[in-house]
Amino acid sequence: MRFLEHVRTESARLGEVARIGLDAAVPSCPGWTVDDVVRHVAMVYVHKVEVLKLGARPDPWPPDFSGLDSLEWYDDARAAIVSALEAAGTATQTWTFNPRDSTSAFWYRRMAHETVIHRIDVEQAHGVVTPIDAELALDGIDEVLYPTLGGPWWEEGDTAYPIDATVRLTTGGRSWTVYADATSVDVRQGAEGDATAEVSGDPAQVYLWLWGRAGEDAIETTGDPNVVRAFRGRLSEASQ
């Protein structure tokens, strides 16, 4: 997967569409405008530049960026994250939030998906949505299920959706089976065993639904609809 190329192209498109207008409301992020998205992504980029530089989370954080022009800051941050990823390569040891991967390769992948989802945000705000690469979408489904959903976040049972069910997702010739209860989420590749509910559809639409950028009308579901909604709620908690 050419994650760095996706970071370049998706971030360029985000900046291009943002220039249509910063005041437009973002449908998938109530209360946010395009300007909020642009500043959020710039903040994420500069934070990851520091992570890659230090090999750790910067502290204190954040600096005061309030006086910076949104688009100028975004352009500078976009150039900086691409340069930082290029300099780090994919084997540098660094801080990540993935218990299974503490290399800079994690940030190649994470920044690609951070960028494409927020590119969709600004495109939806202006009604100019363009396709998502199918291979990237499939990888994004895999990533949002683990580590975003299936990481060690639930040990205290801190969830408003303490579902006890099995959910299966199938798209693009791949399947994932998710076992969830109040204190854990276990994500496994494949389609073994029974499922309480199943989700399927086009890879890009399943990806966008998982990230809250598409409604249930964009996917197909079978089984218990309450489990599907609770699963989506559980994911929204993990992806804040």
Foldseek 3Di string as FASTA:
>chain_A
DQLLVLLVVLLVLLLVLCVVDQAFDFVLDPPHTSLNLLQVLLQVLVQVLVQLVPLEGDPPDDDDPPPDDRSVSSVVSSVSSSVSCVVQDFACAGDDQAPVDRTSVVVSLVSSVSRNLSSQRSCNSVVNDDDDDQVNLVVLVVVLVPPLQQNQPQQVLPAPQQDQWWEWEDEPNWIWIWGGGSRGIDIDTDDDDDGQKYKYAYSNLVSCVLVSNHDPVRIDMDHDVVVVVSVSRSSPVSPD
